[in-house]
């Protein structure tokens, strides 16, 4: 359990990255699974092609564009998962750099300015800037993650969960049946007729499966587009926008010379000393 507000910020950021990364990997697995099912259906038409009903043409011309779309979508999701993994690593790196490098240096400069103001008084402004930079490195990514998580829960999460569920269900619904191979060793007329009708039935079954798969995957196009937009927002657009806003605020604060304002407040002016 996180006991302090700052610890809760870290805990919330880690939870967001873990949850979103798990969702991205699950979506990637679902997309690759559906891609594999479509590939199996495309390959199974060879076994029933001797029936002469044009199943091979249907499988190739109908399913190839859908297969390409899902394959490209899986790469988008993989790129999103990679981005999340990089952000999660940077969270640790920036935390270490801010607290282990900049913060001690800021403390040393501030201590020198306080103990020897005539000699190191000018270092106080640098110390305050280093302190602010250390805090920014330490909490910039956690705050960005929490803000993105809030936007995700309010506007994106429900749509993403429904789209991912539809993608997972499509693979199970479109599972291809095993095709009955064409047997050419039937010698009797009755056997040849029987084999012919078996191939006709198998071809019709495969053709119905292709039609169902086409309808199912075509209905997923909107869902796939939704997921592409959501992953682009969560892993690129929203984090960069928040970082840009926070960076602008930090730049303004550093330009204000907070050290001079601080010393002006705690040091009495000459007029105040004269009045005393």
Protein backbone atom coordinates (compact mmCIF):
# COMPACT_ATOMS: atom_id res chain seq x y z
CA UNK A 1 0.00 0.00 0.00
CA UNK A 2 1.26 3.49 -0.90
CA UNK A 3 1.30 5.64 2.26
CA UNK A 4 2.31 9.03 0.83
CA UNK A 5 0.87 11.05 -2.09
CA UNK A 6 4.15 10.81 -4.00
CA UNK A 7 4.26 7.03 -3.53
CA UNK A 8 0.67 6.81 -4.80
CA UNK A 9 1.72 8.73 -7.91
CA UNK A 10 4.44 6.16 -8.62
CA UNK A 11 2.10 3.28 -7.90
CA UNK A 12 -0.59 4.69 -10.19
CA UNK A 13 1.88 5.23 -13.03
CA UNK A 14 3.24 1.69 -12.75
CA UNK A 15 -0.29 0.28 -12.68
CA UNK A 16 -1.24 2.25 -15.79
CA UNK A 17 1.78 1.08 -17.77
CA UNK A 18 1.30 -2.56 -16.70
CA UNK A 19 -2.43 -2.56 -17.51
CA UNK A 20 -2.05 -0.81 -20.87
CA UNK A 21 0.88 -3.00 -21.90
CA UNK A 22 -1.09 -6.14 -21.03
CA UNK A 23 -4.04 -4.86 -23.08
CA UNK A 24 -1.78 -4.10 -26.05
CA UNK A 25 -0.16 -7.54 -25.97
CA UNK A 26 -3.56 -9.23 -25.66
CA UNK A 27 -4.86 -7.27 -28.65
CA UNK A 28 -1.75 -8.20 -30.63
CA UNK A 29 -2.27 -11.89 -29.83
CA UNK A 30 -5.93 -11.68 -30.91
CA UNK A 31 -4.99 -9.98 -34.18
CA UNK A 32 -2.33 -12.55 -34.98
CA UNK A 33 -4.74 -15.35 -34.11
CA UNK A 34 -7.37 -14.03 -36.51
CA UNK A 35 -4.68 -13.55 -39.13
CA UNK A 36 -3.69 -17.20 -38.72
CA UNK A 37 -7.31 -18.40 -39.05
CA UNK A 38 -7.76 -16.48 -42.30
CA UNK A 39 -4.51 -17.93 -43.64
CA UNK A 40 -5.72 -21.46 -42.83
CA UNK A 41 -9.00 -20.86 -44.67
CA UNK A 42 -7.10 -19.52 -47.66
CA UNK A 43 -4.89 -22.60 -47.70
CA UNK A 44 -7.72 -25.10 -47.24
CA UNK A 45 -9.35 -24.31 -50.59
CA UNK A 46 -6.73 -26.40 -52.42
CA UNK A 47 -8.14 -29.60 -50.94
CA UNK A 48 -11.61 -29.02 -52.37
CA UNK A 49 -10.70 -27.30 -55.62
CA UNK A 50 -11.25 -30.46 -57.71
CA UNK A 51 -14.98 -30.02 -57.08
CA UNK A 52 -14.81 -27.14 -59.55
CA UNK A 53 -16.92 -24.56 -57.73
CA UNK A 54 -14.41 -21.70 -57.74
CA UNK A 55 -13.71 -21.70 -54.00
CA UNK A 56 -10.06 -20.88 -54.54
CA UNK A 57 -10.94 -17.65 -56.33
CA UNK A 58 -13.40 -16.69 -53.58
CA UNK A 59 -10.90 -17.32 -50.80
CA UNK A 60 -8.09 -15.44 -52.49
CA UNK A 61 -9.96 -12.42 -53.74
CA UNK A 62 -12.18 -11.93 -50.68
CA UNK A 63 -9.85 -12.72 -47.81
CA UNK A 64 -6.53 -11.30 -49.04
CA UNK A 65 -7.44 -7.61 -48.40
CA UNK A 66 -8.88 -8.46 -44.98
CA UNK A 67 -5.82 -10.49 -44.12
CA UNK A 68 -3.53 -7.62 -45.12
CA UNK A 69 -5.52 -5.15 -43.01
CA UNK A 70 -5.31 -7.31 -39.88
CA UNK A 71 -1.62 -7.99 -40.43
CA UNK A 72 -0.86 -4.27 -40.67
CA UNK A 73 -3.01 -3.61 -37.61
CA UNK A 74 -1.02 -6.17 -35.62
CA UNK A 75 2.16 -4.22 -36.41
CA UNK A 76 0.52 -1.00 -35.21
CA UNK A 77 -0.36 -2.68 -31.92
CA UNK A 78 3.17 -4.09 -31.60
CA UNK A 79 4.59 -0.58 -32.11
CA UNK A 80 2.21 0.73 -29.43
CA UNK A 81 3.35 -2.00 -27.01
CA UNK A 82 6.98 -1.11 -27.74
CA UNK A 83 6.27 2.56 -27.01
CA UNK A 84 4.67 1.64 -23.68
CA UNK A 85 7.66 -0.54 -22.78
CA UNK A 86 10.06 2.32 -23.55
CA UNK A 87 8.02 4.75 -21.44
CA UNK A 88 8.02 2.27 -18.57
CA UNK A 89 11.82 2.00 -18.72
CA UNK A 90 12.24 5.79 -18.98
CA UNK A 91 10.10 6.14 -15.86
CA UNK A 92 12.81 4.31 -13.90
CA UNK A 93 15.72 6.03 -15.67
CA UNK A 94 14.38 9.55 -15.16
CA UNK A 95 13.55 8.82 -11.54
CA UNK A 96 17.13 7.70 -10.91
CA UNK A 97 18.67 10.64 -12.78
CA UNK A 98 16.52 13.21 -11.02
CA UNK A 99 16.97 11.93 -7.49
CA UNK A 100 20.51 10.52 -7.67
CA UNK A 101 22.20 13.17 -9.84
CA UNK A 102 20.45 16.53 -10.03
CA UNK A 103 18.94 16.63 -6.55
CA UNK A 104 22.25 16.09 -4.65
CA UNK A 105 23.95 18.64 -6.90
CA UNK A 106 21.19 21.16 -6.23
CA UNK A 107 21.51 20.52 -2.49
CA UNK A 108 25.29 21.11 -2.56
CA UNK A 109 24.93 24.36 -4.49
CA UNK A 110 22.15 25.56 -2.20
CA UNK A 111 24.19 24.70 0.89
CA UNK A 112 27.19 26.57 -0.46
CA UNK A 113 25.07 29.65 -1.25
CA UNK A 114 23.57 29.57 2.25
CA UNK A 115 26.88 29.13 4.14
CA UNK A 116 29.05 31.42 1.99
CA UNK A 117 26.61 33.92 0.44
CA UNK A 118 29.31 36.40 -0.60
CA UNK A 119 31.31 33.81 -2.49
CA UNK A 120 28.63 31.41 -3.73
CA UNK A 121 25.49 33.53 -3.54
CA UNK A 122 25.09 33.49 -7.32
CA UNK A 123 24.84 29.69 -7.20
CA UNK A 124 21.49 29.87 -5.42
CA UNK A 125 19.61 30.50 -8.69
CA UNK A 126 21.35 27.52 -10.29
CA UNK A 127 20.53 25.38 -7.26
CA UNK A 128 16.83 26.21 -7.46
CA UNK A 129 16.78 25.51 -11.21
CA UNK A 130 18.51 22.18 -10.66
CA UNK A 131 16.02 21.34 -7.92
CA UNK A 132 13.09 22.10 -10.20
CA UNK A 133 14.67 20.09 -13.02
CA UNK A 134 15.24 17.14 -10.68
CA UNK A 135 11.61 17.19 -9.57
CA UNK A 136 10.49 17.50 -13.20
CA UNK A 137 12.55 14.47 -14.26
CA UNK A 138 11.30 12.53 -11.26
CA UNK A 139 7.58 13.21 -11.70
CA UNK A 140 7.10 14.29 -15.32
CA UNK A 141 6.41 10.79 -16.64
CA UNK A 142 4.34 9.63 -13.63
CA UNK A 143 2.10 12.70 -13.90
CA UNK A 144 1.81 12.17 -17.65
CA UNK A 145 0.88 8.52 -17.12
CA UNK A 146 -1.78 9.41 -14.54
CA UNK A 147 -3.27 12.11 -16.79
CA UNK A 148 -3.34 9.70 -19.76
CA UNK A 149 -4.89 7.03 -17.56
CA UNK A 150 -7.64 9.44 -16.50
CA UNK A 151 -8.43 10.34 -20.11
CA UNK A 152 -8.35 6.65 -21.00
CA UNK A 153 -10.83 5.69 -18.29
CA UNK A 154 -13.19 8.55 -19.14
CA UNK A 155 -13.25 8.34 -22.93
CA UNK A 156 -11.31 5.42 -24.42
CA UNK A 157 -11.32 2.36 -22.18
CA UNK A 158 -14.84 1.08 -22.83
CA UNK A 159 -14.53 1.37 -26.61
CA UNK A 160 -11.13 -0.35 -26.57
CA UNK A 161 -12.38 -3.27 -24.44
CA UNK A 162 -15.38 -3.88 -26.71
CA UNK A 163 -13.27 -3.73 -29.86
CA UNK A 164 -10.67 -6.12 -28.43
CA UNK A 165 -13.39 -8.56 -27.34
CA UNK A 166 -14.91 -8.51 -30.83
CA UNK A 167 -11.49 -9.19 -32.31
CA UNK A 168 -10.94 -12.17 -30.01
CA UNK A 169 -14.38 -13.63 -30.67
CA UNK A 170 -13.98 -13.35 -34.44
CA UNK A 171 -11.08 -15.80 -34.45
CA UNK A 172 -13.14 -18.45 -32.66
CA UNK A 173 -16.22 -17.91 -34.80
CA UNK A 174 -14.25 -18.11 -38.03
CA UNK A 175 -12.23 -21.22 -37.19
CA UNK A 176 -11.75 -23.15 -40.42
CA UNK A 177 -12.95 -26.75 -40.74
CA UNK A 178 -10.64 -29.45 -41.98
CA UNK A 179 -11.16 -29.99 -45.69
CA UNK A 180 -11.79 -33.48 -46.96
CA UNK A 181 -9.03 -34.36 -49.45
CA UNK A 182 -9.98 -35.33 -52.96
CA UNK A 183 -9.64 -39.09 -53.40
CA UNK A 184 -8.72 -40.05 -56.95
CA UNK A 185 -8.47 -43.82 -56.37
CA UNK A 186 -12.22 -44.56 -56.58
CA UNK A 187 -12.62 -47.07 -59.44
CA UNK A 188 -16.33 -47.80 -59.44
CA UNK A 189 -18.93 -45.46 -60.88
CA UNK A 190 -20.83 -45.39 -57.55
CA UNK A 191 -17.61 -44.52 -55.73
CA UNK A 192 -16.81 -41.72 -58.14
CA UNK A 193 -20.33 -40.29 -57.79
CA UNK A 194 -20.10 -40.54 -54.01
CA UNK A 195 -16.72 -38.83 -53.97
CA UNK A 196 -18.00 -36.10 -56.31
CA UNK A 197 -20.90 -35.22 -54.02
CA UNK A 198 -18.62 -35.36 -50.96
CA UNK A 199 -16.33 -32.81 -52.61
CA UNK A 200 -19.33 -30.67 -53.58
CA UNK A 201 -20.57 -30.71 -49.96
CA UNK A 202 -17.12 -29.97 -48.59
CA UNK A 203 -16.69 -27.08 -51.04
CA UNK A 204 -20.10 -25.66 -50.10
CA UNK A 205 -19.21 -25.91 -46.40
CA UNK A 206 -15.94 -24.09 -46.99
CA UNK A 207 -17.66 -21.47 -49.11
CA UNK A 208 -20.19 -20.82 -46.33
CA UNK A 209 -17.32 -20.54 -43.86
CA UNK A 210 -15.59 -18.03 -46.13
CA UNK A 211 -18.81 -16.02 -46.41
CA UNK A 212 -19.25 -15.98 -42.62
CA UNK A 213 -15.62 -15.02 -42.17
CA UNK A 214 -15.99 -12.21 -44.70
CA UNK A 215 -19.06 -10.85 -42.92
CA UNK A 216 -17.44 -11.18 -39.48
CA UNK A 217 -14.16 -9.53 -40.40
CA UNK A 218 -15.83 -6.82 -42.48
CA UNK A 219 -17.87 -5.93 -39.40
CA UNK A 220 -14.60 -5.64 -37.50
CA UNK A 221 -13.17 -2.95 -39.77
CA UNK A 222 -14.71 -0.16 -37.68
CA UNK A 223 -13.46 -1.85 -34.51
CA UNK A 224 -9.96 -2.16 -35.91
CA UNK A 225 -9.93 1.52 -36.91
CA UNK A 226 -11.14 2.43 -33.40
CA UNK A 227 -8.28 0.45 -31.87
CA UNK A 228 -5.71 2.06 -34.16
CA UNK A 229 -6.92 5.53 -33.13
CA UNK A 230 -7.06 4.59 -29.43
CA UNK A 231 -3.54 3.14 -29.35
CA UNK A 232 -2.20 6.17 -31.25
CA UNK A 233 -3.85 8.48 -28.71
CA UNK A 234 -2.76 6.53 -25.61
CA UNK A 235 0.84 5.84 -26.60
CA UNK A 236 1.78 8.87 -28.69
CA UNK A 237 -0.55 11.85 -29.07
CA UNK A 238 -1.88 12.34 -25.53
CA UNK A 239 1.48 11.71 -23.73
CA UNK A 240 3.33 14.07 -26.10
CA UNK A 241 0.66 16.75 -25.69
CA UNK A 242 0.80 16.52 -21.88
CA UNK A 243 4.61 16.55 -21.89
CA UNK A 244 4.57 19.62 -24.14
CA UNK A 245 2.24 21.49 -21.78
CA UNK A 246 4.26 20.51 -18.70
CA UNK A 247 7.49 21.42 -20.47
CA UNK A 248 6.13 24.87 -21.30
CA UNK A 249 5.13 25.38 -17.65
CA UNK A 250 8.56 24.27 -16.45
CA UNK A 251 10.28 26.63 -18.89
CA UNK A 252 8.21 29.55 -17.63
CA UNK A 253 9.04 28.69 -14.03
CA UNK A 254 12.76 28.48 -14.77
CA UNK A 255 12.68 31.87 -16.50
CA UNK A 256 11.12 33.50 -13.42
CA UNK A 257 14.38 33.15 -11.42
CA UNK A 258 12.65 31.82 -8.31
CA UNK A 259 15.86 32.04 -6.30
CA UNK A 260 15.97 35.83 -6.63
CA UNK A 261 12.36 36.07 -5.56
CA UNK A 262 13.09 33.81 -2.59
CA UNK A 263 16.08 35.81 -1.38
CA UNK A 264 14.20 39.08 -1.90
CA UNK A 265 11.49 37.85 0.45
CA UNK A 266 13.73 36.61 3.28
CA UNK A 267 16.36 39.36 3.16
CA UNK A 268 15.30 42.74 4.58
CA UNK A 269 15.86 45.71 2.32
CA UNK A 270 18.05 48.69 3.29
CA UNK A 271 14.94 50.85 3.80
CA UNK A 272 13.53 48.29 6.18
CA UNK A 273 16.84 48.20 8.12
CA UNK A 274 16.87 52.02 8.32
CA UNK A 275 13.35 52.07 9.72
CA UNK A 276 14.38 49.62 12.37
